[in-house]
């Protein structure tokens, strides 16, 4: 019989909760941005085993500046740990060590997702429900059915917004392709697109307005599904794809036409790592929200925009940085990881 993790380790993974909810942080605290990353509080011996298995990353303990309370040891799940935890949320069986080894190996190799639950997309929730996976974004949902053994493809992606027979978005053996096929049909809010792409809501709304004129013959809801209020609206799935492609093409064209002598420093190859040994200046990837800058937290892909950092220092276990405009940023502990890139 295959060996499994213990019941205690199972519960530590299954009950992993967002850091902001677990610690009850104020919204202004730097760690409150970790809404989609998870933490585990368990006995030290239990977490040490999960670290050795490659499911958990340990972070340094510190003191919360807002409350003055000492942090408990924070243990962020690795991408492999998040995959395993997702399969346990609904009370699944104990996980075998062989399954853990496969998840960790896939994480290291950066290979294709084994199931839809392994796929990560900004602003998207993917949950297993029996033999199907529910893909939800902004209150709209599609379903991926597991049809293992079918010649047309293991994954059948269904969406209520797919304009095909039986509303099937795709038949495929690629889990990521199945998820993206559904997302291409689901309506999406402008704010969700802005956070995932790095474009401003105003630019997205302006481009969508131009597209609405072009698609006028396709009906009043072909582009905007709701009224535009303060740069916020809901776009149709097909329109969202066209808008993002147009903005990306415009940005690439502007970059190509910029005079070489005026070109600002650009980031090199991004890398997911700690800041130990990184020398300023360098770039950190992240997003602006409500007047605050937050580092990108998706470990599988770079999101947001690069910010040039000119100085980094540590104070009382917390790391701080200063950008090229002199703004001070609150980061996390020394063991936290970020998407960084050298300045070229």
Protein backbone atom coordinates (compact mmCIF):
# COMPACT_ATOMS: atom_id res chain seq x y z
CA UNK A 1 0.00 0.00 0.00
CA UNK A 2 1.34 3.43 -0.93
CA UNK A 3 2.51 5.61 1.94
CA UNK A 4 0.53 8.78 2.67
CA UNK A 5 0.97 11.94 4.70
CA UNK A 6 -0.36 11.85 8.26
CA UNK A 7 -3.79 13.05 9.29
CA UNK A 8 -2.18 16.04 11.07
CA UNK A 9 -0.32 17.04 7.91
CA UNK A 10 -3.50 16.51 5.92
CA UNK A 11 -5.42 18.93 8.17
CA UNK A 12 -2.61 21.50 8.08
CA UNK A 13 -2.84 21.62 4.28
CA UNK A 14 -6.62 21.29 4.00
CA UNK A 15 -7.33 24.16 6.39
CA UNK A 16 -4.75 26.54 4.91
CA UNK A 17 -6.26 30.03 5.01
CA UNK A 18 -5.36 33.37 3.37
CA UNK A 19 -2.81 35.29 5.43
CA UNK A 20 -4.98 38.42 5.63
CA UNK A 21 -7.92 36.47 7.09
CA UNK A 22 -5.78 34.35 9.41
CA UNK A 23 -3.95 37.29 11.01
CA UNK A 24 -6.84 39.78 10.72
CA UNK A 25 -4.55 42.43 9.24
CA UNK A 26 -5.62 46.03 8.55
CA UNK A 27 -6.01 46.75 4.85
CA UNK A 28 -3.08 49.20 4.92
CA UNK A 29 -0.56 46.59 6.07
CA UNK A 30 1.91 45.32 3.47
CA UNK A 31 1.05 41.67 4.12
CA UNK A 32 -2.66 42.35 3.54
CA UNK A 33 -1.96 42.11 -0.20
CA UNK A 34 -1.45 38.33 0.09
CA UNK A 35 -5.09 37.56 -0.62
CA UNK A 36 -4.44 34.58 -2.86
CA UNK A 37 -1.48 33.07 -1.03
CA UNK A 38 -1.98 30.73 1.86
CA UNK A 39 -0.46 30.16 5.27
CA UNK A 40 -0.42 27.18 7.59
CA UNK A 41 -0.29 27.31 11.36
CA UNK A 42 0.52 23.94 12.84
CA UNK A 43 2.97 22.33 15.20
CA UNK A 44 6.59 23.00 14.30
CA UNK A 45 7.31 19.31 13.73
CA UNK A 46 4.37 19.00 11.33
CA UNK A 47 5.38 22.01 9.28
CA UNK A 48 9.03 20.92 9.21
CA UNK A 49 7.95 17.69 7.51
CA UNK A 50 5.85 19.63 4.99
CA UNK A 51 8.87 21.83 4.26
CA UNK A 52 11.03 18.76 3.59
CA UNK A 53 8.35 17.38 1.28
CA UNK A 54 8.48 20.60 -0.75
CA UNK A 55 4.92 21.68 0.06
CA UNK A 56 5.63 24.63 2.36
CA UNK A 57 8.06 27.54 2.40
CA UNK A 58 8.99 28.88 5.84
CA UNK A 59 9.14 32.65 6.39
CA UNK A 60 10.78 34.52 9.23
CA UNK A 61 8.80 35.53 12.28
CA UNK A 62 8.51 39.24 13.02
CA UNK A 63 6.48 41.84 14.92
CA UNK A 64 3.40 43.43 13.37
CA UNK A 65 4.05 47.19 13.31
CA UNK A 66 0.33 48.08 13.40
CA UNK A 67 -0.68 45.88 16.32
CA UNK A 68 2.63 45.34 18.11
CA UNK A 69 1.86 41.61 18.31
CA UNK A 70 4.53 39.05 17.45
CA UNK A 71 3.83 37.03 14.34
CA UNK A 72 3.41 33.32 14.60
CA UNK A 73 5.66 31.49 12.18
CA UNK A 74 4.19 32.02 8.71
CA UNK A 75 4.45 29.14 6.27
CA UNK A 76 3.49 29.96 2.69
CA UNK A 77 2.54 27.02 0.50
CA UNK A 78 4.71 26.30 -2.54
CA UNK A 79 2.94 25.95 -5.92
CA UNK A 80 3.05 22.17 -5.38
CA UNK A 81 1.59 22.65 -1.90
CA UNK A 82 -1.24 24.77 -3.29
CA UNK A 83 -2.04 22.05 -5.83
CA UNK A 84 -2.22 19.43 -3.08
CA UNK A 85 -4.19 21.71 -0.74
CA UNK A 86 -6.75 22.45 -3.46
CA UNK A 87 -7.44 18.74 -3.86
CA UNK A 88 -8.00 18.42 -0.10
CA UNK A 89 -10.37 21.36 0.40
CA UNK A 90 -13.44 19.22 -0.11
CA UNK A 91 -12.22 16.52 2.29
CA UNK A 92 -10.44 14.30 -0.22
CA UNK A 93 -8.38 11.27 0.80
CA UNK A 94 -4.92 11.37 2.34
CA UNK A 95 -2.27 12.22 -0.24
CA UNK A 96 0.32 9.61 -1.21
CA UNK A 97 4.00 10.49 -1.13
CA UNK A 98 4.20 9.47 -4.80
CA UNK A 99 1.56 12.09 -5.68
CA UNK A 100 3.50 14.73 -3.74
CA UNK A 101 6.71 13.80 -5.57
CA UNK A 102 4.90 14.23 -8.91
CA UNK A 103 3.56 17.68 -7.92
CA UNK A 104 6.97 18.87 -6.73
CA UNK A 105 8.66 17.55 -9.87
CA UNK A 106 6.13 19.35 -12.07
CA UNK A 107 6.76 22.54 -10.11
CA UNK A 108 10.52 22.27 -10.61
CA UNK A 109 10.23 21.43 -14.29
CA UNK A 110 7.62 24.08 -14.96
CA UNK A 111 5.78 21.51 -17.06
CA UNK A 112 2.16 21.57 -18.19
CA UNK A 113 -0.65 21.43 -15.64
CA UNK A 114 -1.80 17.89 -14.89
CA UNK A 115 -5.39 18.91 -14.06
CA UNK A 116 -7.44 22.13 -14.27
CA UNK A 117 -6.86 22.54 -10.53
CA UNK A 118 -3.14 23.02 -11.24
CA UNK A 119 -3.83 26.01 -13.50
CA UNK A 120 -3.40 29.50 -12.02
CA UNK A 121 -4.99 32.57 -13.61
CA UNK A 122 -5.31 36.02 -11.94
CA UNK A 123 -8.78 36.65 -10.55
CA UNK A 124 -9.96 33.10 -11.34
CA UNK A 125 -11.12 30.43 -8.89
CA UNK A 126 -10.88 26.79 -9.99
CA UNK A 127 -12.37 24.16 -7.68
CA UNK A 128 -12.89 20.43 -8.02
CA UNK A 129 -16.45 19.14 -7.67
CA UNK A 130 -16.58 15.35 -8.07
CA UNK A 131 -15.38 14.52 -11.61
CA UNK A 132 -15.65 18.10 -12.81
CA UNK A 133 -13.82 21.39 -12.20
CA UNK A 134 -15.68 24.67 -11.75
CA UNK A 135 -13.96 27.70 -13.30
CA UNK A 136 -15.29 30.97 -11.85
CA UNK A 137 -14.46 34.61 -12.55
CA UNK A 138 -16.39 37.71 -11.51
CA UNK A 139 -19.51 35.71 -10.63
CA UNK A 140 -19.65 33.77 -13.91
CA UNK A 141 -18.78 30.09 -14.13
CA UNK A 142 -17.92 27.41 -16.63
CA UNK A 143 -17.30 23.70 -16.03
CA UNK A 144 -14.56 21.31 -17.16
CA UNK A 145 -15.61 17.66 -17.24
CA UNK A 146 -13.05 14.87 -16.81
CA UNK A 147 -13.64 12.49 -19.71
CA UNK A 148 -10.52 10.36 -19.35
CA UNK A 149 -10.26 7.79 -22.14
CA UNK A 150 -12.18 9.80 -24.75
CA UNK A 151 -10.40 10.19 -28.10
CA UNK A 152 -11.63 13.75 -28.54
CA UNK A 153 -9.71 14.83 -25.42
CA UNK A 154 -9.74 14.22 -21.69
CA UNK A 155 -11.15 17.65 -20.79
CA UNK A 156 -14.52 18.89 -22.04
CA UNK A 157 -14.80 22.64 -21.33
CA UNK A 158 -18.38 23.91 -21.09
CA UNK A 159 -19.47 27.53 -20.80
CA UNK A 160 -22.97 29.06 -20.79
CA UNK A 161 -21.52 31.85 -22.96
CA UNK A 162 -19.97 29.60 -25.63
CA UNK A 163 -21.77 30.04 -28.94
CA UNK A 164 -21.31 26.44 -30.02
CA UNK A 165 -23.33 23.25 -30.04
CA UNK A 166 -24.13 22.21 -26.47
CA UNK A 167 -22.10 25.27 -25.32
CA UNK A 168 -18.82 23.32 -25.50
CA UNK A 169 -15.83 25.70 -25.50
CA UNK A 170 -13.22 23.01 -26.21
CA UNK A 171 -12.32 19.32 -26.20
CA UNK A 172 -8.65 18.99 -25.32
CA UNK A 173 -6.01 17.01 -23.46
CA UNK A 174 -4.38 20.26 -22.25
CA UNK A 175 -5.76 21.42 -18.88
CA UNK A 176 -4.56 25.01 -19.39
CA UNK A 177 -6.16 25.14 -22.83
CA UNK A 178 -9.46 23.97 -21.31
CA UNK A 179 -9.38 26.72 -18.65
CA UNK A 180 -8.44 29.43 -21.16
CA UNK A 181 -11.18 28.29 -23.55
CA UNK A 182 -13.76 28.94 -20.83
CA UNK A 183 -12.22 32.27 -19.81
CA UNK A 184 -12.33 33.41 -23.44
CA UNK A 185 -16.14 33.24 -23.22
CA UNK A 186 -16.84 34.45 -19.66
CA UNK A 187 -17.73 38.12 -19.07
CA UNK A 188 -15.12 39.99 -17.03
CA UNK A 189 -14.96 43.26 -15.11
CA UNK A 190 -12.61 46.01 -16.26
CA UNK A 191 -10.89 46.05 -12.85
CA UNK A 192 -10.11 42.34 -13.14
CA UNK A 193 -8.58 42.84 -16.59
CA UNK A 194 -6.56 45.80 -15.35
CA UNK A 195 -5.10 43.87 -12.43
CA UNK A 196 -4.21 40.86 -14.56
CA UNK A 197 -2.74 42.76 -17.52
CA UNK A 198 -1.19 45.86 -15.98
CA UNK A 199 -3.16 48.24 -18.23
CA UNK A 200 -5.14 51.04 -16.60
CA UNK A 201 -8.96 50.77 -16.34
CA UNK A 202 -9.26 54.02 -18.34
CA UNK A 203 -7.22 52.62 -21.24
CA UNK A 204 -9.29 49.42 -21.25
CA UNK A 205 -12.59 51.34 -21.25
CA UNK A 206 -11.38 53.65 -24.05
CA UNK A 207 -10.29 50.72 -26.22
CA UNK A 208 -13.55 48.89 -25.48
CA UNK A 209 -15.50 52.01 -26.51
CA UNK A 210 -13.77 52.04 -29.88
CA UNK A 211 -14.48 48.33 -30.28
CA UNK A 212 -18.16 48.88 -29.43
CA UNK A 213 -18.47 51.23 -32.39
CA UNK A 214 -16.81 48.67 -34.65
CA UNK A 215 -19.04 45.85 -33.36
CA UNK A 216 -22.24 47.90 -33.37
CA UNK A 217 -23.88 45.43 -35.75
CA UNK A 218 -23.43 42.54 -33.31
CA UNK A 219 -25.88 43.93 -30.77
CA UNK A 220 -25.86 46.36 -27.83
CA UNK A 221 -24.14 43.90 -25.46
CA UNK A 222 -21.44 42.63 -27.80
CA UNK A 223 -18.78 44.62 -25.91
CA UNK A 224 -20.22 46.32 -22.80
CA UNK A 225 -22.55 44.08 -20.80
CA UNK A 226 -23.13 46.80 -18.18
CA UNK A 227 -23.00 50.59 -18.12
CA UNK A 228 -19.61 52.26 -17.58
CA UNK A 229 -19.45 53.80 -14.11
CA UNK A 230 -16.18 55.42 -12.96
CA UNK A 231 -14.08 53.39 -15.41
CA UNK A 232 -15.78 50.17 -14.27
CA UNK A 233 -17.93 47.94 -16.46
CA UNK A 234 -18.36 44.32 -17.45
CA UNK A 235 -17.09 43.26 -20.88
CA UNK A 236 -18.00 40.20 -22.89
CA UNK A 237 -15.36 37.48 -23.07
CA UNK A 238 -14.59 37.85 -26.81
CA UNK A 239 -14.43 41.65 -26.48
CA UNK A 240 -12.01 41.42 -23.55
CA UNK A 241 -9.59 39.33 -25.63
CA UNK A 242 -9.66 41.80 -28.53
CA UNK A 243 -9.19 44.77 -26.19
CA UNK A 244 -6.14 43.23 -24.50
CA UNK A 245 -4.59 42.28 -27.84
CA UNK A 246 -5.07 45.82 -29.16
CA UNK A 247 -3.52 47.41 -26.06
CA UNK A 248 -0.58 45.02 -26.15
CA UNK A 249 0.03 45.77 -29.84
CA UNK A 250 -0.15 49.51 -29.17
CA UNK A 251 2.32 49.24 -26.30
CA UNK A 252 4.72 47.21 -28.46
CA UNK A 253 4.48 49.74 -31.28
CA UNK A 254 5.11 52.66 -28.92
CA UNK A 255 8.13 50.89 -27.46
CA UNK A 256 9.54 50.22 -30.93
CA UNK A 257 9.14 53.86 -31.97
CA UNK A 258 10.72 55.31 -28.82
CA UNK A 259 14.10 56.97 -29.53
CA UNK A 260 16.94 54.72 -28.43
CA UNK A 261 18.78 57.54 -26.67
CA UNK A 262 15.72 58.27 -24.52
CA UNK A 263 15.07 54.66 -23.62
CA UNK A 264 14.84 54.12 -19.87
CA UNK A 265 16.49 51.15 -18.13
CA UNK A 266 14.59 47.97 -18.93
CA UNK A 267 14.25 44.77 -16.91
CA UNK A 268 16.17 41.66 -17.87
CA UNK A 269 14.92 38.09 -17.51
CA UNK A 270 12.44 37.88 -14.57
CA UNK A 271 13.19 35.41 -11.78
CA UNK A 272 11.08 34.24 -8.80
CA UNK A 273 13.45 34.53 -5.83
CA UNK A 274 14.23 36.17 -2.50
CA UNK A 275 16.04 39.52 -2.40
CA UNK A 276 19.13 38.03 -0.74
CA UNK A 277 22.19 39.02 -2.78
CA UNK A 278 20.21 41.25 -5.18
CA UNK A 279 22.00 44.55 -5.76
CA UNK A 280 20.15 47.78 -6.56
CA UNK A 281 19.14 49.05 -8.99
CA UNK A 282 16.84 46.24 -10.11
CA UNK A 283 13.16 45.74 -10.98
CA UNK A 284 10.30 44.35 -8.88
CA UNK A 285 7.04 43.33 -10.55
CA UNK A 286 3.74 44.37 -8.98
CA UNK A 287 0.57 46.42 -9.30
CA UNK A 288 -0.87 49.72 -8.04
CA UNK A 289 -4.13 49.45 -6.12
CA UNK A 290 -5.87 52.27 -4.23
CA UNK A 291 -2.72 54.36 -4.14
CA UNK A 292 -0.52 51.53 -2.84
CA UNK A 293 1.97 49.32 -4.66
CA UNK A 294 1.86 45.53 -4.07
CA UNK A 295 4.40 42.93 -5.28
CA UNK A 296 3.16 40.30 -7.75
CA UNK A 297 2.19 37.09 -5.93
CA UNK A 298 1.62 34.60 -8.75
CA UNK A 299 4.55 32.21 -8.51
CA UNK A 300 3.91 30.52 -11.86
CA UNK A 301 3.84 33.59 -14.11
CA UNK A 302 4.92 37.21 -14.06
CA UNK A 303 2.04 39.66 -13.56
CA UNK A 304 1.82 43.40 -13.14
CA UNK A 305 4.41 45.97 -14.20
CA UNK A 306 8.12 46.32 -13.36
CA UNK A 307 9.07 48.99 -10.81
CA UNK A 308 12.70 50.18 -10.64
CA UNK A 309 14.12 49.81 -7.13
CA UNK A 310 17.14 51.92 -6.13
CA UNK A 311 17.61 50.94 -2.48
CA UNK A 312 16.71 48.04 -0.14
CA UNK A 313 17.10 47.71 3.63
CA UNK A 314 15.81 45.62 6.57
CA UNK A 315 14.38 46.91 9.85
CA UNK A 316 13.09 44.70 12.71
CA UNK A 317 12.70 41.66 10.50
CA UNK A 318 10.76 43.49 7.75
CA UNK A 319 12.25 44.48 4.41
CA UNK A 320 11.78 47.91 2.85
CA UNK A 321 12.66 49.38 -0.52
CA UNK A 322 12.78 52.74 -2.29
CA UNK A 323 11.84 53.22 -5.93
CA UNK A 324 13.40 55.59 -8.45
CA UNK A 325 10.91 58.33 -7.45
CA UNK A 326 11.93 58.18 -3.80
CA UNK A 327 8.78 56.39 -2.64
CA UNK A 328 9.23 54.00 0.29
CA UNK A 329 7.69 50.54 -0.07
CA UNK A 330 6.96 48.03 2.71
CA UNK A 331 7.86 44.50 1.66
CA UNK A 332 7.84 41.28 3.71
CA UNK A 333 10.34 39.16 5.63
CA UNK A 334 13.76 38.13 4.38
CA UNK A 335 12.51 34.71 3.19
CA UNK A 336 9.70 36.14 1.02
CA UNK A 337 10.01 35.71 -2.75
CA UNK A 338 9.28 38.16 -5.53
CA UNK A 339 9.47 38.46 -9.30
CA UNK A 340 12.70 40.40 -9.82
CA UNK A 341 14.74 41.33 -12.89
CA UNK A 342 18.14 42.97 -13.30
CA UNK A 343 18.22 46.52 -14.71
CA UNK A 344 19.75 46.76 -18.18
